[in-house]
């Protein structure tokens, strides 16, 4: 074997190693999308009916509430929505 042949074999091994690493990494990313995994825990499923009911309740409250001038409407609505979400299980 000549030096050129050794260099070509070495380059082939390096390219093969990198290709296998790339293909293995892409397989790991294409996992199941049933559960959303974070670093801490699995997030609970979203209950859209509960969110819709709380949005309606917050909208009804905002439509009928009399608030002082300068009141942060977004904060009031968020508080109402959060209390509804925590209350209705």
PDB file of N, CA and C in Angstrom:
ATOM      1  N   UNK A   1       0.841  -1.178   0.000  1.00  0.00           N
ATOM      2  CA  UNK A   1       0.000   0.000   0.000  1.00  0.00           C
ATOM      3  C   UNK A   1       0.883   1.237   0.000  1.00  0.00           C
ATOM      4  N   UNK A   2       0.388   2.184  -0.732  1.00  0.00           N
ATOM      5  CA  UNK A   2       1.102   3.445  -0.783  1.00  0.00           C
ATOM      6  C   UNK A   2       0.492   4.408   0.228  1.00  0.00           C
ATOM      7  N   UNK A   3       1.135   5.499   0.455  1.00  0.00           N
ATOM      8  CA  UNK A   3       0.657   6.516   1.394  1.00  0.00           C
ATOM      9  C   UNK A   3      -0.702   7.054   0.966  1.00  0.00           C
ATOM     10  N   UNK A   4      -0.874   7.211  -0.328  1.00  0.00           N
ATOM     11  CA  UNK A   4      -2.141   7.724  -0.845  1.00  0.00           C
ATOM     12  C   UNK A   4      -3.289   6.778  -0.486  1.00  0.00           C
ATOM     13  N   UNK A   5      -3.100   5.497  -0.599  1.00  0.00           N
ATOM     14  CA  UNK A   5      -4.129   4.516  -0.268  1.00  0.00           C
ATOM     15  C   UNK A   5      -4.480   4.560   1.218  1.00  0.00           C
ATOM     16  N   UNK A   6      -3.498   4.712   2.057  1.00  0.00           N
ATOM     17  CA  UNK A   6      -3.730   4.793   3.506  1.00  0.00           C
ATOM     18  C   UNK A   6      -4.536   6.046   3.845  1.00  0.00           C
ATOM     19  N   UNK A   7      -4.223   7.154   3.210  1.00  0.00           N
ATOM     20  CA  UNK A   7      -4.955   8.401   3.449  1.00  0.00           C
ATOM     21  C   UNK A   7      -6.400   8.260   2.990  1.00  0.00           C
ATOM     22  N   UNK A   8      -6.628   7.628   1.834  1.00  0.00           N
ATOM     23  CA  UNK A   8      -7.996   7.433   1.335  1.00  0.00           C
ATOM     24  C   UNK A   8      -8.805   6.525   2.259  1.00  0.00           C
ATOM     25  N   UNK A   9      -8.209   5.457   2.760  1.00  0.00           N
ATOM     26  CA  UNK A   9      -8.907   4.567   3.697  1.00  0.00           C
ATOM     27  C   UNK A   9      -9.221   5.307   4.988  1.00  0.00           C
ATOM     28  N   UNK A  10      -8.288   6.086   5.496  1.00  0.00           N
ATOM     29  CA  UNK A  10      -8.519   6.863   6.716  1.00  0.00           C
ATOM     30  C   UNK A  10      -9.632   7.878   6.527  1.00  0.00           C
ATOM     31  N   UNK A  11      -9.635   8.560   5.371  1.00  0.00           N
ATOM     32  CA  UNK A  11     -10.697   9.536   5.093  1.00  0.00           C
ATOM     33  C   UNK A  11     -12.047   8.842   4.993  1.00  0.00           C
ATOM     34  N   UNK A  12     -12.077   7.650   4.399  1.00  0.00           N
ATOM     35  CA  UNK A  12     -13.325   6.893   4.302  1.00  0.00           C
ATOM     36  C   UNK A  12     -13.856   6.492   5.664  1.00  0.00           C
ATOM     37  N   UNK A  13     -12.967   6.104   6.553  1.00  0.00           N
ATOM     38  CA  UNK A  13     -13.369   5.728   7.914  1.00  0.00           C
ATOM     39  C   UNK A  13     -13.936   6.938   8.644  1.00  0.00           C
ATOM     40  N   UNK A  14     -13.277   8.091   8.509  1.00  0.00           N
ATOM     41  CA  UNK A  14     -13.754   9.308   9.184  1.00  0.00           C
ATOM     42  C   UNK A  14     -15.114   9.718   8.646  1.00  0.00           C
ATOM     43  N   UNK A  15     -15.294   9.710   7.326  1.00  0.00           N
ATOM     44  CA  UNK A  15     -16.585  10.078   6.729  1.00  0.00           C
ATOM     45  C   UNK A  15     -17.664   9.093   7.162  1.00  0.00           C
ATOM     46  N   UNK A  16     -17.363   7.812   7.198  1.00  0.00           N
ATOM     47  CA  UNK A  16     -18.326   6.811   7.646  1.00  0.00           C
ATOM     48  C   UNK A  16     -18.716   7.011   9.097  1.00  0.00           C
ATOM     49  N   UNK A  17     -17.750   7.315   9.938  1.00  0.00           N
ATOM     50  CA  UNK A  17     -18.020   7.566  11.356  1.00  0.00           C
ATOM     51  C   UNK A  17     -18.945   8.769  11.524  1.00  0.00           C
ATOM     52  N   UNK A  18     -18.664   9.850  10.806  1.00  0.00           N
ATOM     53  CA  UNK A  18     -19.512  11.038  10.906  1.00  0.00           C
ATOM     54  C   UNK A  18     -20.909  10.782  10.355  1.00  0.00           C
ATOM     55  N   UNK A  19     -21.017  10.017   9.273  1.00  0.00           N
ATOM     56  CA  UNK A  19     -22.312   9.709   8.690  1.00  0.00           C
ATOM     57  C   UNK A  19     -23.154   8.858   9.626  1.00  0.00           C
ATOM     58  N   UNK A  20     -22.558   7.872  10.255  1.00  0.00           N
ATOM     59  CA  UNK A  20     -23.290   7.028  11.206  1.00  0.00           C
ATOM     60  C   UNK A  20     -23.755   7.861  12.402  1.00  0.00           C
ATOM     61  N   UNK A  21     -22.910   8.756  12.898  1.00  0.00           N
ATOM     62  CA  UNK A  21     -23.309   9.629  14.007  1.00  0.00           C
ATOM     63  C   UNK A  21     -24.462  10.530  13.625  1.00  0.00           C
ATOM     64  N   UNK A  22     -24.452  11.066  12.419  1.00  0.00           N
ATOM     65  CA  UNK A  22     -25.534  11.940  11.952  1.00  0.00           C
ATOM     66  C   UNK A  22     -26.838  11.157  11.822  1.00  0.00           C
ATOM     67  N   UNK A  23     -26.787   9.986  11.230  1.00  0.00           N
ATOM     68  CA  UNK A  23     -27.999   9.180  11.060  1.00  0.00           C
ATOM     69  C   UNK A  23     -28.552   8.722  12.403  1.00  0.00           C
ATOM     70  N   UNK A  24     -27.697   8.382  13.340  1.00  0.00           N
ATOM     71  CA  UNK A  24     -28.153   7.955  14.663  1.00  0.00           C
ATOM     72  C   UNK A  24     -28.818   9.114  15.403  1.00  0.00           C
ATOM     73  N   UNK A  25     -28.275  10.317  15.270  1.00  0.00           N
ATOM     74  CA  UNK A  25     -28.848  11.490  15.923  1.00  0.00           C
ATOM     75  C   UNK A  25     -30.211  11.824  15.340  1.00  0.00           C
ATOM     76  N   UNK A  26     -30.403  11.691  14.038  1.00  0.00           N
ATOM     77  CA  UNK A  26     -31.693  12.011  13.428  1.00  0.00           C
ATOM     78  C   UNK A  26     -32.749  10.989  13.829  1.00  0.00           C
ATOM     79  N   UNK A  27     -32.377   9.739  14.089  1.00  0.00           N
ATOM     80  CA  UNK A  27     -33.336   8.752  14.564  1.00  0.00           C
ATOM     81  C   UNK A  27     -33.797   9.074  15.977  1.00  0.00           C
ATOM     82  N   UNK A  28     -32.909   9.567  16.823  1.00  0.00           N
ATOM     83  CA  UNK A  28     -33.260   9.911  18.199  1.00  0.00           C
ATOM     84  C   UNK A  28     -34.263  11.056  18.230  1.00  0.00           C
ATOM     85  N   UNK A  29     -34.154  12.014  17.327  1.00  0.00           N
ATOM     86  CA  UNK A  29     -35.056  13.170  17.326  1.00  0.00           C
ATOM     87  C   UNK A  29     -36.443  12.824  16.814  1.00  0.00           C
ATOM     88  N   UNK A  30     -36.571  11.811  15.984  1.00  0.00           N
ATOM     89  CA  UNK A  30     -37.861  11.476  15.396  1.00  0.00           C
ATOM     90  C   UNK A  30     -38.610  10.468  16.255  1.00  0.00           C
ATOM     91  N   UNK A  31     -38.761  10.778  17.537  1.00  0.00           N
ATOM     92  CA  UNK A  31     -39.466   9.901  18.462  1.00  0.00           C
ATOM     93  C   UNK A  31     -40.951  10.187  18.458  1.00  0.00           C
ATOM     94  N   UNK A  32     -41.638   9.639  19.403  1.00  0.00           N
ATOM     95  CA  UNK A  32     -43.072   9.817  19.533  1.00  0.00           C
ATOM     96  C   UNK A  32     -43.399  11.227  19.976  1.00  0.00           C
ATOM     97  N   UNK A  33     -44.503  11.763  19.461  1.00  0.00           N
ATOM     98  CA  UNK A  33     -44.935  13.110  19.846  1.00  0.00           C
ATOM     99  C   UNK A  33     -46.159  13.055  20.749  1.00  0.00           C
ATOM    100  N   UNK A  34     -46.427  11.880  21.354  1.00  0.00           N
ATOM    101  CA  UNK A  34     -47.586  11.754  22.227  1.00  0.00           C
ATOM    102  C   UNK A  34     -47.416  12.551  23.509  1.00  0.00           C
ATOM    103  N   UNK A  35     -46.247  12.532  24.085  1.00  0.00           N
ATOM    104  CA  UNK A  35     -45.973  13.237  25.334  1.00  0.00           C
ATOM    105  C   UNK A  35     -44.953  14.330  25.070  1.00  0.00           C
ATOM    106  N   UNK A  36     -45.168  15.474  25.692  1.00  0.00           N
ATOM    107  CA  UNK A  36     -44.209  16.562  25.599  1.00  0.00           C
ATOM    108  C   UNK A  36     -43.299  16.429  26.809  1.00  0.00           C
ATOM    109  N   UNK A  37     -42.028  16.214  26.575  1.00  0.00           N
ATOM    110  CA  UNK A  37     -41.088  15.963  27.663  1.00  0.00           C
ATOM    111  C   UNK A  37     -40.223  17.196  27.857  1.00  0.00           C
ATOM    112  N   UNK A  38     -40.133  17.651  29.083  1.00  0.00           N
ATOM    113  CA  UNK A  38     -39.223  18.733  29.436  1.00  0.00           C
ATOM    114  C   UNK A  38     -38.117  18.144  30.291  1.00  0.00           C
ATOM    115  N   UNK A  39     -37.247  18.998  30.752  1.00  0.00           N
ATOM    116  CA  UNK A  39     -36.163  18.499  31.594  1.00  0.00           C
ATOM    117  C   UNK A  39     -36.673  18.099  32.978  1.00  0.00           C
ATOM    118  N   UNK A  40     -37.812  18.635  33.396  1.00  0.00           N
ATOM    119  CA  UNK A  40     -38.320  18.343  34.736  1.00  0.00           C
ATOM    120  C   UNK A  40     -39.311  17.186  34.744  1.00  0.00           C
ATOM    121  N   UNK A  41     -40.324  17.228  33.880  1.00  0.00           N
ATOM    122  CA  UNK A  41     -41.366  16.218  33.929  1.00  0.00           C
ATOM    123  C   UNK A  41     -42.164  16.252  32.637  1.00  0.00           C
ATOM    124  N   UNK A  42     -43.111  15.356  32.547  1.00  0.00           N
ATOM    125  CA  UNK A  42     -44.009  15.326  31.393  1.00  0.00           C
ATOM    126  C   UNK A  42     -45.147  16.298  31.670  1.00  0.00           C
ATOM    127  N   UNK A  43     -45.442  17.152  30.691  1.00  0.00           N
ATOM    128  CA  UNK A  43     -46.502  18.143  30.854  1.00  0.00           C
ATOM    129  C   UNK A  43     -47.862  17.464  30.786  1.00  0.00           C
ATOM    130  N   UNK A  44     -48.837  17.935  31.554  1.00  0.00           N
ATOM    131  CA  UNK A  44     -50.165  17.322  31.521  1.00  0.00           C
ATOM    132  C   UNK A  44     -50.873  17.653  30.217  1.00  0.00           C
ATOM    133  N   UNK A  45     -51.859  16.857  29.893  1.00  0.00           N
ATOM    134  CA  UNK A  45     -52.643  17.075  28.683  1.00  0.00           C
ATOM    135  C   UNK A  45     -53.482  18.344  28.843  1.00  0.00           C
ATOM    136  N   UNK A  46     -53.722  19.029  27.753  1.00  0.00           N
ATOM    137  CA  UNK A  46     -54.482  20.270  27.771  1.00  0.00           C
ATOM    138  C   UNK A  46     -55.966  19.928  27.708  1.00  0.00           C
ATOM    139  N   UNK A  47     -56.739  20.506  28.611  1.00  0.00           N
ATOM    140  CA  UNK A  47     -58.183  20.314  28.625  1.00  0.00           C
ATOM    141  C   UNK A  47     -58.813  21.542  27.970  1.00  0.00           C
ATOM    142  N   UNK A  48     -59.058  21.455  26.666  1.00  0.00           N
ATOM    143  CA  UNK A  48     -59.538  22.603  25.907  1.00  0.00           C
ATOM    144  C   UNK A  48     -60.919  23.045  26.361  1.00  0.00           C
ATOM    145  N   UNK A  49     -61.772  22.121  26.774  1.00  0.00           N
ATOM    146  CA  UNK A  49     -63.111  22.486  27.239  1.00  0.00           C
ATOM    147  C   UNK A  49     -63.017  23.352  28.497  1.00  0.00           C
ATOM    148  N   UNK A  50     -62.095  23.010  29.393  1.00  0.00           N
ATOM    149  CA  UNK A  50     -61.910  23.783  30.621  1.00  0.00           C
ATOM    150  C   UNK A  50     -61.377  25.173  30.302  1.00  0.00           C
ATOM    151  N   UNK A  51     -60.434  25.256  29.371  1.00  0.00           N
ATOM    152  CA  UNK A  51     -59.882  26.553  28.970  1.00  0.00           C
ATOM    153  C   UNK A  51     -60.967  27.420  28.349  1.00  0.00           C
ATOM    154  N   UNK A  52     -61.797  26.824  27.481  1.00  0.00           N
ATOM    155  CA  UNK A  52     -62.885  27.581  26.853  1.00  0.00           C
ATOM    156  C   UNK A  52     -63.889  28.083  27.884  1.00  0.00           C
ATOM    157  N   UNK A  53     -64.226  27.231  28.862  1.00  0.00           N
ATOM    158  CA  UNK A  53     -65.180  27.629  29.900  1.00  0.00           C
ATOM    159  C   UNK A  53     -64.619  28.770  30.747  1.00  0.00           C
ATOM    160  N   UNK A  54     -63.338  28.699  31.078  1.00  0.00           N
ATOM    161  CA  UNK A  54     -62.723  29.759  31.882  1.00  0.00           C
ATOM    162  C   UNK A  54     -62.585  31.054  31.079  1.00  0.00           C
ATOM    163  N   UNK A  55     -62.289  30.947  29.798  1.00  0.00           N
ATOM    164  CA  UNK A  55     -62.250  32.145  28.957  1.00  0.00           C
ATOM    165  C   UNK A  55     -63.619  32.806  28.893  1.00  0.00           C
ATOM    166  N   UNK A  56     -64.664  32.004  28.760  1.00  0.00           N
ATOM    167  CA  UNK A  56     -66.030  32.552  28.718  1.00  0.00           C
ATOM    168  C   UNK A  56     -66.379  33.216  30.046  1.00  0.00           C
ATOM    169  N   UNK A  57     -66.020  32.573  31.145  1.00  0.00           N
ATOM    170  CA  UNK A  57     -66.296  33.152  32.462  1.00  0.00           C
ATOM    171  C   UNK A  57     -65.549  34.475  32.652  1.00  0.00           C
ATOM    172  N   UNK A  58     -64.297  34.524  32.223  1.00  0.00           N
ATOM    173  CA  UNK A  58     -63.519  35.757  32.344  1.00  0.00           C
ATOM    174  C   UNK A  58     -64.082  36.844  31.436  1.00  0.00           C
ATOM    175  N   UNK A  59     -64.515  36.475  30.236  1.00  0.00           N
ATOM    176  CA  UNK A  59     -65.121  37.451  29.321  1.00  0.00           C
ATOM    177  C   UNK A  59     -66.429  37.997  29.891  1.00  0.00           C
ATOM    178  N   UNK A  60     -67.248  37.121  30.468  1.00  0.00           N
ATOM    179  CA  UNK A  60     -68.504  37.562  31.071  1.00  0.00           C
ATOM    180  C   UNK A  60     -68.236  38.516  32.239  1.00  0.00           C
ATOM    181  N   UNK A  61     -67.227  38.210  33.039  1.00  0.00           N
ATOM    182  CA  UNK A  61     -66.880  39.077  34.161  1.00  0.00           C
ATOM    183  C   UNK A  61     -66.421  40.446  33.664  1.00  0.00           C
ATOM    184  N   UNK A  62     -65.569  40.443  32.631  1.00  0.00           N
ATOM    185  CA  UNK A  62     -65.050  41.711  32.108  1.00  0.00           C
ATOM    186  C   UNK A  62     -66.159  42.544  31.464  1.00  0.00           C
ATOM    187  N   UNK A  63     -67.168  41.889  30.907  1.00  0.00           N
ATOM    188  CA  UNK A  63     -68.265  42.614  30.277  1.00  0.00           C
ATOM    189  C   UNK A  63     -69.167  43.270  31.310  1.00  0.00           C
ATOM    190  N   UNK A  64     -69.285  42.672  32.493  1.00  0.00           N
ATOM    191  CA  UNK A  64     -70.217  43.194  33.485  1.00  0.00           C
ATOM    192  C   UNK A  64     -69.540  43.955  34.627  1.00  0.00           C
ATOM    193  N   UNK A  65     -68.215  43.917  34.697  1.00  0.00           N
ATOM    194  CA  UNK A  65     -67.508  44.532  35.819  1.00  0.00           C
ATOM    195  C   UNK A  65     -67.372  46.041  35.615  1.00  0.00           C
ATOM    196  N   UNK A  66     -67.443  46.758  36.719  1.00  0.00           N
ATOM    197  CA  UNK A  66     -67.179  48.192  36.710  1.00  0.00           C
ATOM    198  C   UNK A  66     -65.865  48.404  37.438  1.00  0.00           C
ATOM    199  N   UNK A  67     -64.885  48.829  36.698  1.00  0.00           N
ATOM    200  CA  UNK A  67     -63.546  48.983  37.256  1.00  0.00           C
ATOM    201  C   UNK A  67     -63.165  50.451  37.272  1.00  0.00           C
ATOM    202  N   UNK A  68     -62.278  50.808  38.185  1.00  0.00           N
ATOM    203  CA  UNK A  68     -61.802  52.188  38.275  1.00  0.00           C
ATOM    204  C   UNK A  68     -60.903  52.520  37.100  1.00  0.00           C
ATOM    205  N   UNK A  69     -60.802  53.796  36.819  1.00  0.00           N
ATOM    206  CA  UNK A  69     -59.908  54.251  35.754  1.00  0.00           C
ATOM    207  C   UNK A  69     -58.473  53.924  36.148  1.00  0.00           C
ATOM    208  N   UNK A  70     -57.689  53.477  35.196  1.00  0.00           N
ATOM    209  CA  UNK A  70     -56.297  53.146  35.454  1.00  0.00           C
ATOM    210  C   UNK A  70     -56.089  51.709  35.901  1.00  0.00           C
ATOM    211  N   UNK A  71     -57.165  50.946  35.991  1.00  0.00           N
ATOM    212  CA  UNK A  71     -57.042  49.541  36.381  1.00  0.00           C
ATOM    213  C   UNK A  71     -56.468  48.754  35.215  1.00  0.00           C
ATOM    214  N   UNK A  72     -55.532  47.873  35.508  1.00  0.00           N
ATOM    215  CA  UNK A  72     -54.919  47.033  34.472  1.00  0.00           C
ATOM    216  C   UNK A  72     -55.905  45.926  34.098  1.00  0.00           C
ATOM    217  N   UNK A  73     -56.548  46.090  32.952  1.00  0.00           N
ATOM    218  CA  UNK A  73     -57.580  45.141  32.527  1.00  0.00           C
ATOM    219  C   UNK A  73     -57.011  43.755  32.246  1.00  0.00           C
ATOM    220  N   UNK A  74     -55.812  43.718  31.701  1.00  0.00           N
ATOM    221  CA  UNK A  74     -55.187  42.425  31.389  1.00  0.00           C
ATOM    222  C   UNK A  74     -54.916  41.649  32.679  1.00  0.00           C
ATOM    223  N   UNK A  75     -54.439  42.337  33.700  1.00  0.00           N
ATOM    224  CA  UNK A  75     -54.143  41.671  34.971  1.00  0.00           C
ATOM    225  C   UNK A  75     -55.419  41.165  35.634  1.00  0.00           C
ATOM    226  N   UNK A  76     -56.492  41.959  35.563  1.00  0.00           N
ATOM    227  CA  UNK A  76     -57.760  41.546  36.164  1.00  0.00           C
ATOM    228  C   UNK A  76     -58.302  40.315  35.446  1.00  0.00           C
ATOM    229  N   UNK A  77     -58.250  40.320  34.110  1.00  0.00           N
ATOM    230  CA  UNK A  77     -58.753  39.185  33.343  1.00  0.00           C
ATOM    231  C   UNK A  77     -57.898  37.945  33.602  1.00  0.00           C
ATOM    232  N   UNK A  78     -56.579  38.125  33.678  1.00  0.00           N
ATOM    233  CA  UNK A  78     -55.686  36.997  33.938  1.00  0.00           C
ATOM    234  C   UNK A  78     -55.947  36.410  35.322  1.00  0.00           C
ATOM    235  N   UNK A  79     -56.166  37.265  36.300  1.00  0.00           N
ATOM    236  CA  UNK A  79     -56.462  36.776  37.651  1.00  0.00           C
ATOM    237  C   UNK A  79     -57.754  35.972  37.657  1.00  0.00           C
ATOM    238  N   UNK A  80     -58.774  36.473  36.963  1.00  0.00           N
ATOM    239  CA  UNK A  80     -60.057  35.773  36.903  1.00  0.00           C
ATOM    240  C   UNK A  80     -59.895  34.417  36.201  1.00  0.00           C
ATOM    241  N   UNK A  81     -59.146  34.408  35.104  1.00  0.00           N
ATOM    242  CA  UNK A  81     -58.911  33.169  34.362  1.00  0.00           C
ATOM    243  C   UNK A  81     -58.127  32.167  35.216  1.00  0.00           C
ATOM    244  N   UNK A  82     -57.068  32.629  35.890  1.00  0.00           N
ATOM    245  CA  UNK A  82     -56.255  31.738  36.718  1.00  0.00           C
ATOM    246  C   UNK A  82     -57.045  31.154  37.874  1.00  0.00           C
ATOM    247  N   UNK A  83     -57.899  31.984  38.493  1.00  0.00           N
ATOM    248  CA  UNK A  83     -58.710  31.461  39.608  1.00  0.00           C
ATOM    249  C   UNK A  83     -59.707  30.417  39.099  1.00  0.00           C
ATOM    250  N   UNK A  84     -60.244  30.635  37.918  1.00  0.00           N
ATOM    251  CA  UNK A  84     -61.162  29.656  37.340  1.00  0.00           C
ATOM    252  C   UNK A  84     -60.442  28.354  37.026  1.00  0.00           C
ATOM    253  N   UNK A  85     -59.239  28.434  36.452  1.00  0.00           N
ATOM    254  CA  UNK A  85     -58.497  27.227  36.112  1.00  0.00           C
ATOM    255  C   UNK A  85     -58.110  26.428  37.349  1.00  0.00           C
ATOM    256  N   UNK A  86     -57.779  27.116  38.419  1.00  0.00           N
ATOM    257  CA  UNK A  86     -57.398  26.400  39.640  1.00  0.00           C
ATOM    258  C   UNK A  86     -58.616  25.832  40.368  1.00  0.00           C
ATOM    259  N   UNK A  87     -59.747  26.488  40.223  1.00  0.00           N
ATOM    260  CA  UNK A  87     -60.963  26.058  40.914  1.00  0.00           C
ATOM    261  C   UNK A  87     -61.605  24.849  40.252  1.00  0.00           C
ATOM    262  N   UNK A  88     -61.727  24.861  38.948  1.00  0.00           N
ATOM    263  CA  UNK A  88     -62.413  23.782  38.248  1.00  0.00           C
ATOM    264  C   UNK A  88     -61.441  22.675  37.927  1.00  0.00           C
ATOM    265  N   UNK A  89     -61.618  21.522  38.560  1.00  0.00           N
ATOM    266  CA  UNK A  89     -60.707  20.401  38.325  1.00  0.00           C
ATOM    267  C   UNK A  89     -61.353  19.362  37.458  1.00  0.00           C
TER     268      UNK A  89
END
